Amino acid sequence: MAVEDGVWIMKGLDWNDPYRIRTWQELVNWINEVGFLPLFANDIEGFSVEEHVSPDYWWTGIKEEDPWEWREIIAASHKVCYGKFFAQKAGFISLEWLPYFANYRRSGYDFDSRWEDGLSNRREKKIMDMLTGRDEDGDVTFPDDQILSTELKKKAGFGKGGEKNYSGIITGLQMQTYLVITDFCRRRNKRGEEYGMPVSIMLPPEAIWGYETVTAAYAESPGKSYDRIITRIRQQFAGADEADIIKIIGKQPESHT
């Protein structure tokens, strides 16, 4: 998105452009081809969903044609990861590239280890405790029932009279890949009727794709995973400026070797 004369303008391709992405399945295929992709346009030309779909069908509610609806379908499909991964903004990561993002963004730490080493804060811990547990053998477990983000906020003690900055903490956990958006559901009233806008449901990626898949790159240094990601952008978007890449992906990890 761009602002021109105070008006938000969506970028994109003409409806009849043969290169326009036409379905959510085509979008998944392209995400898998590129590896990872922000939802909205940014300073790297071409590096977004927005620039490859029609600008005329955003927020129409037509599931077959609206990229905003596609993100819900794709998140629920679990074919790729969806969440706020790029400069605190939404985007997608393929399952092939998820381990490298997880290793780089987590610096090789599972959340429990990060907490034990004093690298995470109390508010992060309260949220993660709602979405993970331990069984009698000490293995990590995940909730059987889906928790809407609005309910998660309450159950973790955020809101009026409680902890603050729920949105910021949730975004930070997604940026670190400790949480991903796995579905969207609408709230229900006392009569069981749906109302309002769809609300996100979040879980650790391990709950969807398994620990071994998510942590498959832990054996290499976070710096090496970071280099893989940066190199991939340079290969796919040759004109990308170094500063713009860092703005979207993040800085080199301190443990870089």
Protein backbone atom coordinates (compact mmCIF):
# COMPACT_ATOMS: atom_id res chain seq x y z
CA MET A 1 0.00 0.00 0.00
CA ALA A 2 1.09 3.55 -0.70
CA VAL A 3 -0.27 6.97 0.20
CA GLU A 4 -0.86 9.40 -2.64
CA ASP A 5 -2.38 12.81 -1.83
CA GLY A 6 -3.56 11.45 1.49
CA VAL A 7 -5.29 8.44 -0.06
CA TRP A 8 -4.28 4.80 0.37
CA ILE A 9 -3.49 3.25 -3.01
CA MET A 10 -3.18 -0.51 -3.50
CA LYS A 11 -0.51 -1.71 -5.88
CA GLY A 12 -1.06 -4.72 -8.10
CA LEU A 13 -1.59 -6.08 -11.59
CA ASP A 14 -4.34 -5.48 -14.09
CA TRP A 15 -7.19 -7.98 -13.93
CA ASN A 16 -6.28 -9.36 -17.37
CA ASP A 17 -2.54 -9.49 -16.76
CA PRO A 18 -1.44 -13.10 -17.44
CA TYR A 19 0.99 -12.92 -14.50
CA ARG A 20 -1.69 -11.97 -11.99
CA ILE A 21 -2.20 -14.49 -9.18
CA ARG A 22 -5.82 -15.57 -9.42
CA THR A 23 -6.49 -18.02 -6.58
CA TRP A 24 -5.26 -18.76 -3.08
CA GLN A 25 -3.82 -22.04 -4.37
CA GLU A 26 -1.74 -20.17 -6.94
CA LEU A 27 -0.55 -17.89 -4.15
CA VAL A 28 0.53 -20.87 -2.03
CA ASN A 29 2.46 -22.24 -5.00
CA TRP A 30 4.23 -18.93 -5.48
CA ILE A 31 5.06 -18.62 -1.76
CA ASN A 32 6.62 -22.08 -1.95
CA GLU A 33 8.58 -21.03 -5.02
CA VAL A 34 9.89 -17.79 -3.54
CA GLY A 35 10.24 -19.14 0.01
CA PHE A 36 8.68 -16.30 2.02
CA LEU A 37 6.65 -13.24 1.18
CA PRO A 38 5.17 -10.19 2.98
CA LEU A 39 1.46 -9.60 2.45
CA PHE A 40 1.72 -5.91 1.59
CA ALA A 41 4.09 -3.93 -0.61
CA ASN A 42 7.28 -2.64 0.98
CA ASP A 43 10.54 -1.01 -0.09
CA ILE A 44 11.66 -4.11 -2.03
CA GLU A 45 9.93 -3.97 -5.39
CA GLY A 46 7.93 -7.11 -6.16
CA PHE A 47 8.47 -8.64 -2.72
CA SER A 48 4.82 -8.87 -1.66
CA VAL A 49 1.49 -10.51 -2.35
CA GLU A 50 -0.06 -7.11 -3.01
CA GLU A 51 2.00 -6.42 -6.11
CA HIS A 52 0.98 -9.67 -7.80
CA VAL A 53 -2.79 -9.66 -7.35
CA SER A 54 -5.57 -7.36 -8.54
CA PRO A 55 -5.80 -4.12 -6.50
CA ASP A 56 -9.58 -4.05 -7.06
CA TYR A 57 -10.71 -7.00 -4.94
CA TRP A 58 -9.18 -6.34 -1.52
CA TRP A 59 -11.78 -6.32 1.29
CA THR A 60 -14.68 -7.26 -0.97
CA GLY A 61 -15.46 -10.38 1.08
CA ILE A 62 -15.47 -12.52 -2.07
CA LYS A 63 -13.44 -15.54 -0.98
CA GLU A 64 -12.59 -16.63 -4.50
CA GLU A 65 -11.03 -13.27 -5.43
CA ASP A 66 -10.17 -11.29 -2.29
CA PRO A 67 -6.54 -11.64 -1.12
CA TRP A 68 -7.61 -10.54 2.38
CA GLU A 69 -9.90 -13.57 2.48
CA TRP A 70 -7.18 -15.76 1.00
CA ARG A 71 -4.95 -15.14 3.99
CA GLU A 72 -7.58 -16.73 6.23
CA ILE A 73 -7.95 -19.73 3.94
CA ILE A 74 -4.19 -20.18 3.66
CA ALA A 75 -3.64 -19.87 7.41
CA ALA A 76 -6.23 -22.58 8.05
CA SER A 77 -4.83 -24.82 5.30
CA HIS A 78 -1.46 -25.11 7.11
CA LYS A 79 0.23 -25.43 3.72
CA VAL A 80 2.50 -22.49 4.61
CA CYS A 81 2.95 -20.35 7.74
CA TYR A 82 1.08 -17.08 8.22
CA GLY A 83 1.80 -14.40 10.79
CA LYS A 84 3.56 -11.12 11.48
CA PHE A 85 7.05 -12.08 10.34
CA PHE A 86 8.27 -9.05 8.39
CA ALA A 87 9.00 -5.79 10.27
CA GLN A 88 6.03 -6.53 12.56
CA LYS A 89 3.75 -6.93 9.53
CA ALA A 90 1.95 -9.91 8.06
CA GLY A 91 3.33 -12.37 5.58
CA PHE A 92 3.93 -16.00 4.70
CA ILE A 93 6.81 -18.45 5.11
CA SER A 94 7.00 -21.78 3.31
CA LEU A 95 7.55 -24.94 5.33
CA GLU A 96 10.92 -25.33 3.62
CA TRP A 97 12.07 -21.96 4.96
CA LEU A 98 10.36 -22.05 8.36
CA PRO A 99 13.29 -23.86 10.07
CA TYR A 100 15.75 -21.17 8.93
CA PHE A 101 13.51 -18.36 10.16
CA ALA A 102 12.96 -20.19 13.45
CA ASN A 103 16.68 -20.75 13.98
CA TYR A 104 17.61 -17.15 13.11
CA ARG A 105 14.77 -15.42 14.95
CA ARG A 106 15.00 -17.63 18.05
CA SER A 107 18.80 -17.71 18.08
CA GLY A 108 18.45 -21.48 18.47
CA TYR A 109 16.37 -21.20 21.67
CA ASP A 110 13.13 -23.00 22.40
CA PHE A 111 10.90 -20.66 24.38
CA ASP A 112 11.43 -22.51 27.68
CA SER A 113 15.20 -22.23 27.30
CA ARG A 114 14.90 -18.55 26.43
CA TRP A 115 12.86 -17.98 29.59
CA GLU A 116 15.29 -19.93 31.76
CA ASP A 117 18.19 -17.83 30.45
CA GLY A 118 16.35 -14.60 31.20
CA LEU A 119 15.92 -13.64 27.55
CA SER A 120 12.11 -13.42 27.54
CA ASN A 121 9.84 -11.33 29.72
CA ARG A 122 6.99 -12.18 32.08
CA ARG A 123 4.23 -11.06 29.71
CA GLU A 124 5.57 -13.32 26.94
CA LYS A 125 5.70 -16.20 29.42
CA LYS A 126 2.07 -15.67 30.48
CA ILE A 127 0.92 -15.95 26.86
CA MET A 128 3.07 -18.95 26.03
CA ASP A 129 1.91 -20.72 29.20
CA MET A 130 -1.65 -20.53 27.88
CA LEU A 131 -0.63 -22.27 24.64
CA THR A 132 1.84 -24.88 25.87
CA GLY A 133 2.07 -27.31 28.77
CA ARG A 134 3.84 -30.45 29.93
CA ASP A 135 2.48 -33.94 30.34
CA GLU A 136 3.48 -36.30 33.15
CA ASP A 137 6.49 -37.42 31.11
CA GLY A 138 7.67 -33.84 30.68
CA ASP A 139 6.82 -33.65 26.99
CA VAL A 140 5.40 -30.41 25.58
CA THR A 141 1.64 -30.38 25.01
CA PHE A 142 -0.71 -27.96 23.26
CA PRO A 143 -4.37 -27.00 23.86
CA ASP A 144 -7.01 -29.38 22.55
CA ASP A 145 -9.43 -26.51 21.96
CA GLN A 146 -8.77 -23.48 19.82
CA ILE A 147 -8.39 -20.21 21.74
CA LEU A 148 -9.46 -17.02 19.99
CA SER A 149 -6.96 -14.21 20.32
CA THR A 150 -9.57 -12.17 22.19
CA GLU A 151 -9.97 -14.98 24.74
CA LEU A 152 -6.23 -15.54 24.95
CA LYS A 153 -5.84 -11.90 25.91
CA LYS A 154 -8.22 -12.31 28.84
CA LYS A 155 -6.96 -15.69 30.00
CA ALA A 156 -3.34 -14.50 29.99
CA GLY A 157 -4.29 -11.56 32.21
CA PHE A 158 -4.13 -8.70 29.73
CA GLY A 159 -6.58 -5.84 29.43
CA LYS A 160 -8.27 -3.50 31.86
CA GLY A 161 -6.59 -3.70 35.25
CA GLY A 162 -4.12 -6.30 34.01
CA GLU A 163 -1.07 -6.60 31.80
CA LYS A 164 -0.60 -4.09 29.00
CA ASN A 165 0.54 -4.15 25.36
CA TYR A 166 -1.01 -7.47 24.41
CA SER A 167 -0.82 -6.61 20.71
CA GLY A 168 2.87 -5.74 20.92
CA ILE A 169 3.76 -8.89 22.86
CA ILE A 170 1.81 -11.12 20.48
CA THR A 171 3.50 -9.49 17.48
CA GLY A 172 6.92 -9.96 19.06
CA LEU A 173 6.27 -13.67 19.63
CA GLN A 174 5.30 -14.03 15.98
CA MET A 175 8.41 -12.16 14.86
CA GLN A 176 10.43 -14.66 16.89
CA THR A 177 8.39 -17.51 15.30
CA TYR A 178 7.22 -18.78 18.68
CA LEU A 179 3.65 -18.21 17.48
CA VAL A 180 1.94 -18.39 14.09
CA ILE A 181 -1.65 -17.70 13.06
CA THR A 182 -3.28 -21.06 12.38
CA ASP A 183 -6.90 -20.08 11.71
CA PHE A 184 -9.55 -17.37 11.96
CA CYS A 185 -12.94 -17.74 13.62
CA ARG A 186 -15.77 -15.39 14.50
CA ARG A 187 -16.90 -14.96 18.08
CA ARG A 188 -20.22 -16.38 19.28
CA ASN A 189 -22.84 -14.82 21.53
CA LYS A 190 -24.72 -16.59 24.31
CA ARG A 191 -27.11 -18.08 21.75
CA GLY A 192 -24.20 -19.58 19.84
CA GLU A 193 -24.59 -17.17 16.93
CA GLU A 194 -21.52 -15.85 15.17
CA TYR A 195 -20.89 -12.12 15.16
CA GLY A 196 -18.23 -9.55 14.34
CA MET A 197 -15.05 -9.84 12.32
CA PRO A 198 -13.01 -13.06 12.20
CA VAL A 199 -10.51 -13.31 15.06
CA SER A 200 -7.12 -14.99 14.77
CA ILE A 201 -6.15 -18.22 16.48
CA MET A 202 -2.48 -18.65 17.34
CA LEU A 203 -0.33 -21.61 18.30
CA PRO A 204 3.36 -22.45 18.38
CA PRO A 205 4.30 -23.76 14.92
CA GLU A 206 5.40 -27.00 16.59
CA ALA A 207 1.73 -27.71 17.37
CA ILE A 208 0.94 -27.80 13.65
CA TRP A 209 4.07 -29.09 11.91
CA GLY A 210 5.93 -30.88 14.71
CA TYR A 211 9.07 -30.12 16.67
CA GLU A 212 11.45 -31.83 14.27
CA THR A 213 10.20 -29.84 11.28
CA VAL A 214 10.32 -26.45 13.00
CA THR A 215 13.74 -26.95 14.59
CA ALA A 216 15.39 -28.74 11.67
CA ALA A 217 17.97 -25.95 11.25
CA TYR A 218 18.99 -25.73 14.93
CA ALA A 219 22.17 -27.64 14.09
CA GLU A 220 23.55 -24.63 12.18
CA SER A 221 24.35 -21.22 13.61
CA PRO A 222 21.63 -18.55 13.60
CA GLY A 223 24.02 -16.47 11.51
CA LYS A 224 24.15 -19.11 8.79
CA SER A 225 20.34 -19.30 8.68
CA TYR A 226 20.22 -15.51 8.44
CA ASP A 227 22.66 -15.57 5.54
CA ARG A 228 20.49 -18.12 3.74
CA ILE A 229 17.46 -15.84 4.06
CA ILE A 230 19.30 -12.74 2.89
CA THR A 231 20.86 -14.61 -0.03
CA ARG A 232 17.44 -15.90 -1.06
CA ILE A 233 16.06 -12.36 -1.31
CA ARG A 234 19.05 -11.22 -3.36
CA GLN A 235 18.51 -14.16 -5.73
CA GLN A 236 14.80 -13.52 -6.16
CA PHE A 237 14.87 -9.70 -6.12
CA ALA A 238 18.20 -8.64 -7.56
CA GLY A 239 17.53 -4.90 -7.26
CA ALA A 240 16.84 -5.02 -3.51
CA ASP A 241 18.82 -2.49 -1.48
CA GLU A 242 20.77 -3.89 1.48
CA ALA A 243 19.19 -1.45 3.94
CA ASP A 244 15.70 -2.36 2.71
CA ILE A 245 16.40 -6.07 3.14
CA ILE A 246 17.53 -5.54 6.72
CA LYS A 247 14.48 -3.36 7.40
CA ILE A 248 12.16 -6.19 6.35
CA ILE A 249 14.07 -9.24 7.63
CA GLY A 250 16.03 -7.86 10.56
CA LYS A 251 19.63 -7.38 11.58
CA GLN A 252 22.35 -9.96 11.59
CA PRO A 253 22.18 -11.99 14.84
CA GLU A 254 24.82 -11.27 17.45
CA SER A 255 25.94 -14.90 17.36
CA HIS A 256 26.74 -14.58 13.63
CA THR A 257 29.95 -16.37 12.64
